[in-house]
Amino acid sequence: MDDSQITLVQDSFAKVAPIKDAAAQMFYADLFETAPGVKPYFANSDISEQGNKLMATLAVVVNGLRDLDKIVPVAERLAVAHVDYGVKAEDYGKVGASLMRTLEKGLGEGWNDEVAKAWLAAYTTLSGVMVAAAYPEAA
């Protein structure tokens, strides 16, 4: 990721933050519709609370993109913890696709090819680190 991509991700996320509850609902609705196999991971979760955690985690990651040395270890620990919930390496692609569709809907006219490429770079970077930490054989 280059500096301009980081700026695009951070600026676009700042536009999503005011609608974080609606964005989280859109994300989980999309995820459960397009990847129903992940729904059991959330069987014992309050989805509203889970949405709050998702948006808080995204905020930390987005704000930390200029200092990956600090957020990578946190992302790695999070990924390893998710293995206990049954999350598989291939689920990261499904989550990423739902995130992109949610951002596209949430940002409306603020979503364009440049913003999409920046988010894809950010997600690919972090999900790659997470998959490598939790599933070294799949990395």
C-alpha atoms as a PDB file:
ATOM      1  CA  MET A   1       0.000   0.000   0.000  1.00  0.00           C
ATOM      2  CA  ASP A   2       1.242   3.437  -0.800  1.00  0.00           C
ATOM      3  CA  ASP A   3       0.551   6.663   1.058  1.00  0.00           C
ATOM      4  CA  SER A   4      -2.205   7.801  -1.318  1.00  0.00           C
ATOM      5  CA  GLN A   5      -4.042   4.492  -0.880  1.00  0.00           C
ATOM      6  CA  ILE A   6      -3.833   4.788   2.893  1.00  0.00           C
ATOM      7  CA  THR A   7      -5.281   8.297   2.658  1.00  0.00           C
ATOM      8  CA  LEU A   8      -8.130   7.047   0.443  1.00  0.00           C
ATOM      9  CA  VAL A   9      -8.971   4.247   2.885  1.00  0.00           C
ATOM     10  CA  GLN A  10      -8.858   6.553   5.888  1.00  0.00           C
ATOM     11  CA  ASP A  11     -10.861   9.330   4.240  1.00  0.00           C
ATOM     12  CA  SER A  12     -13.514   6.951   2.948  1.00  0.00           C
ATOM     13  CA  PHE A  13     -13.799   5.170   6.292  1.00  0.00           C
ATOM     14  CA  ALA A  14     -14.363   8.545   7.962  1.00  0.00           C
ATOM     15  CA  LYS A  15     -17.480   8.834   5.766  1.00  0.00           C
ATOM     16  CA  VAL A  16     -18.696   5.388   6.848  1.00  0.00           C
ATOM     17  CA  ALA A  17     -18.125   5.960  10.560  1.00  0.00           C
ATOM     18  CA  PRO A  18     -21.254   8.113  11.024  1.00  0.00           C
ATOM     19  CA  ILE A  19     -23.375   5.257   9.618  1.00  0.00           C
ATOM     20  CA  LYS A  20     -21.427   2.509  11.383  1.00  0.00           C
ATOM     21  CA  ASP A  21     -24.501   0.720  12.773  1.00  0.00           C
ATOM     22  CA  ALA A  22     -26.203   0.610   9.373  1.00  0.00           C
ATOM     23  CA  ALA A  23     -22.917  -0.379   7.714  1.00  0.00           C
ATOM     24  CA  ALA A  24     -22.459  -3.276  10.150  1.00  0.00           C
ATOM     25  CA  GLN A  25     -26.022  -4.443   9.465  1.00  0.00           C
ATOM     26  CA  MET A  26     -25.415  -4.234   5.704  1.00  0.00           C
ATOM     27  CA  PHE A  27     -22.175  -6.164   6.081  1.00  0.00           C
ATOM     28  CA  TYR A  28     -23.665  -9.059   8.047  1.00  0.00           C
ATOM     29  CA  ALA A  29     -26.775  -9.207   5.844  1.00  0.00           C
ATOM     30  CA  ASP A  30     -24.535  -9.442   2.779  1.00  0.00           C
ATOM     31  CA  LEU A  31     -22.177 -11.951   4.392  1.00  0.00           C
ATOM     32  CA  PHE A  32     -24.975 -14.272   5.541  1.00  0.00           C
ATOM     33  CA  GLU A  33     -26.690 -14.070   2.150  1.00  0.00           C
ATOM     34  CA  THR A  34     -23.592 -14.653   0.033  1.00  0.00           C
ATOM     35  CA  ALA A  35     -21.725 -17.007   2.379  1.00  0.00           C
ATOM     36  CA  PRO A  36     -24.340 -18.782   4.511  1.00  0.00           C
ATOM     37  CA  GLY A  37     -21.735 -21.269   5.675  1.00  0.00           C
ATOM     38  CA  VAL A  38     -20.237 -18.646   7.990  1.00  0.00           C
ATOM     39  CA  LYS A  39     -23.490 -17.986   9.860  1.00  0.00           C
ATOM     40  CA  PRO A  40     -22.897 -20.769  12.436  1.00  0.00           C
ATOM     41  CA  TYR A  41     -19.786 -18.884  13.613  1.00  0.00           C
ATOM     42  CA  PHE A  42     -22.160 -16.275  14.995  1.00  0.00           C
ATOM     43  CA  ALA A  43     -24.776 -18.616  16.498  1.00  0.00           C
ATOM     44  CA  ASN A  44     -24.074 -17.503  20.069  1.00  0.00           C
ATOM     45  CA  SER A  45     -23.472 -13.842  19.246  1.00  0.00           C
ATOM     46  CA  ASP A  46     -25.598 -10.754  19.542  1.00  0.00           C
ATOM     47  CA  ILE A  47     -25.177  -9.540  15.962  1.00  0.00           C
ATOM     48  CA  SER A  48     -25.595  -5.908  17.009  1.00  0.00           C
ATOM     49  CA  GLU A  49     -22.759  -6.287  19.512  1.00  0.00           C
ATOM     50  CA  GLN A  50     -20.736  -8.130  16.895  1.00  0.00           C
ATOM     51  CA  GLY A  51     -21.318  -5.221  14.513  1.00  0.00           C
ATOM     52  CA  ASN A  52     -19.972  -2.813  17.124  1.00  0.00           C
ATOM     53  CA  LYS A  53     -16.860  -4.965  17.499  1.00  0.00           C
ATOM     54  CA  LEU A  54     -16.428  -5.145  13.735  1.00  0.00           C
ATOM     55  CA  MET A  55     -16.612  -1.385  13.285  1.00  0.00           C
ATOM     56  CA  ALA A  56     -14.318  -0.725  16.252  1.00  0.00           C
ATOM     57  CA  THR A  57     -11.767  -3.186  14.873  1.00  0.00           C
ATOM     58  CA  LEU A  58     -11.984  -1.640  11.419  1.00  0.00           C
ATOM     59  CA  ALA A  59     -11.419   1.796  12.952  1.00  0.00           C
ATOM     60  CA  VAL A  60      -8.268   0.609  14.739  1.00  0.00           C
ATOM     61  CA  VAL A  61      -6.936  -1.054  11.593  1.00  0.00           C
ATOM     62  CA  VAL A  62      -7.763   1.850   9.288  1.00  0.00           C
ATOM     63  CA  ASN A  63      -6.239   4.378  11.666  1.00  0.00           C
ATOM     64  CA  GLY A  64      -3.150   2.193  12.085  1.00  0.00           C
ATOM     65  CA  LEU A  65      -2.359   1.656   8.412  1.00  0.00           C
ATOM     66  CA  ARG A  66       0.619   4.014   8.617  1.00  0.00           C
ATOM     67  CA  ASP A  67       2.024   1.982  11.504  1.00  0.00           C
ATOM     68  CA  LEU A  68       1.575  -1.650  10.506  1.00  0.00           C
ATOM     69  CA  ASP A  69       4.168  -2.808  13.043  1.00  0.00           C
ATOM     70  CA  LYS A  70       1.639  -2.016  15.776  1.00  0.00           C
ATOM     71  CA  ILE A  71      -1.504  -3.472  14.202  1.00  0.00           C
ATOM     72  CA  VAL A  72      -0.065  -6.619  12.633  1.00  0.00           C
ATOM     73  CA  PRO A  73       0.521  -8.435  15.950  1.00  0.00           C
ATOM     74  CA  VAL A  74      -3.029  -7.577  17.046  1.00  0.00           C
ATOM     75  CA  ALA A  75      -4.430  -8.840  13.730  1.00  0.00           C
ATOM     76  CA  GLU A  76      -2.411 -12.038  14.047  1.00  0.00           C
ATOM     77  CA  ARG A  77      -3.739 -12.716  17.560  1.00  0.00           C
ATOM     78  CA  LEU A  78      -7.295 -12.009  16.397  1.00  0.00           C
ATOM     79  CA  ALA A  79      -6.909 -14.457  13.511  1.00  0.00           C
ATOM     80  CA  VAL A  80      -5.555 -17.211  15.747  1.00  0.00           C
ATOM     81  CA  ALA A  81      -8.465 -16.668  18.168  1.00  0.00           C
ATOM     82  CA  HIS A  82     -10.970 -16.979  15.312  1.00  0.00           C
ATOM     83  CA  VAL A  83      -9.751 -20.500  14.538  1.00  0.00           C
ATOM     84  CA  ASP A  84     -11.554 -21.641  17.719  1.00  0.00           C
ATOM     85  CA  TYR A  85     -14.831 -20.331  16.246  1.00  0.00           C
ATOM     86  CA  GLY A  86     -14.369 -22.557  13.207  1.00  0.00           C
ATOM     87  CA  VAL A  87     -13.203 -19.825  10.823  1.00  0.00           C
ATOM     88  CA  LYS A  88     -11.302 -21.215   7.849  1.00  0.00           C
ATOM     89  CA  ALA A  89      -8.680 -19.590   5.649  1.00  0.00           C
ATOM     90  CA  GLU A  90     -11.093 -19.443   2.705  1.00  0.00           C
ATOM     91  CA  ASP A  91     -13.581 -17.437   4.788  1.00  0.00           C
ATOM     92  CA  TYR A  92     -11.334 -14.385   4.570  1.00  0.00           C
ATOM     93  CA  GLY A  93     -12.130 -13.989   0.878  1.00  0.00           C
ATOM     94  CA  LYS A  94     -15.854 -14.144   1.598  1.00  0.00           C
ATOM     95  CA  VAL A  95     -15.547 -11.543   4.338  1.00  0.00           C
ATOM     96  CA  GLY A  96     -13.484  -9.302   2.066  1.00  0.00           C
ATOM     97  CA  ALA A  97     -16.061  -9.496  -0.713  1.00  0.00           C
ATOM     98  CA  SER A  98     -18.855  -8.570   1.697  1.00  0.00           C
ATOM     99  CA  LEU A  99     -16.779  -5.710   3.070  1.00  0.00           C
ATOM    100  CA  MET A 100     -16.223  -4.324  -0.427  1.00  0.00           C
ATOM    101  CA  ARG A 101     -19.914  -4.546  -1.307  1.00  0.00           C
ATOM    102  CA  THR A 102     -20.839  -2.889   1.992  1.00  0.00           C
ATOM    103  CA  LEU A 103     -18.392  -0.052   1.425  1.00  0.00           C
ATOM    104  CA  GLU A 104     -19.673   0.424  -2.101  1.00  0.00           C
ATOM    105  CA  LYS A 105     -23.259   0.708  -0.833  1.00  0.00           C
ATOM    106  CA  GLY A 106     -22.345   2.831   2.173  1.00  0.00           C
ATOM    107  CA  LEU A 107     -20.159   5.278   0.272  1.00  0.00           C
ATOM    108  CA  GLY A 108     -22.432   5.608  -2.744  1.00  0.00           C
ATOM    109  CA  GLU A 109     -20.894   8.177  -5.092  1.00  0.00           C
ATOM    110  CA  GLY A 110     -17.786   8.222  -2.895  1.00  0.00           C
ATOM    111  CA  TRP A 111     -16.940   4.722  -4.115  1.00  0.00           C
ATOM    112  CA  ASN A 112     -14.858   4.599  -7.280  1.00  0.00           C
ATOM    113  CA  ASP A 113     -12.141   2.437  -8.824  1.00  0.00           C
ATOM    114  CA  GLU A 114      -9.373   4.224  -6.944  1.00  0.00           C
ATOM    115  CA  VAL A 115     -11.098   3.814  -3.560  1.00  0.00           C
ATOM    116  CA  ALA A 116     -11.925   0.191  -4.370  1.00  0.00           C
ATOM    117  CA  LYS A 117      -8.293  -0.574  -5.239  1.00  0.00           C
ATOM    118  CA  ALA A 118      -7.095   1.097  -2.041  1.00  0.00           C
ATOM    119  CA  TRP A 119      -9.502  -0.920   0.116  1.00  0.00           C
ATOM    120  CA  LEU A 120      -8.596  -4.106  -1.715  1.00  0.00           C
ATOM    121  CA  ALA A 121      -4.907  -3.433  -1.066  1.00  0.00           C
ATOM    122  CA  ALA A 122      -5.589  -2.802   2.627  1.00  0.00           C
ATOM    123  CA  TYR A 123      -7.777  -5.870   3.032  1.00  0.00           C
ATOM    124  CA  THR A 124      -5.405  -8.097   1.079  1.00  0.00           C
ATOM    125  CA  THR A 125      -2.478  -6.959   3.210  1.00  0.00           C
ATOM    126  CA  LEU A 126      -4.206  -7.546   6.530  1.00  0.00           C
ATOM    127  CA  SER A 127      -6.048 -10.723   5.597  1.00  0.00           C
ATOM    128  CA  GLY A 128      -2.796 -12.154   4.235  1.00  0.00           C
ATOM    129  CA  VAL A 129      -1.105 -11.520   7.563  1.00  0.00           C
ATOM    130  CA  MET A 130      -4.047 -13.031   9.423  1.00  0.00           C
ATOM    131  CA  VAL A 131      -4.233 -16.160   7.268  1.00  0.00           C
ATOM    132  CA  ALA A 132      -0.482 -16.661   7.570  1.00  0.00           C
ATOM    133  CA  ALA A 133      -0.704 -16.426  11.368  1.00  0.00           C
ATOM    134  CA  ALA A 134      -3.709 -18.700  11.812  1.00  0.00           C
ATOM    135  CA  TYR A 135      -3.160 -21.158   8.966  1.00  0.00           C
ATOM    136  CA  PRO A 136       0.532 -21.204   8.087  1.00  0.00           C
ATOM    137  CA  GLU A 137      -0.003 -24.194   5.781  1.00  0.00           C
ATOM    138  CA  ALA A 138      -2.558 -22.195   3.723  1.00  0.00           C
ATOM    139  CA  ALA A 139      -0.525 -19.002   3.440  1.00  0.00           C
END
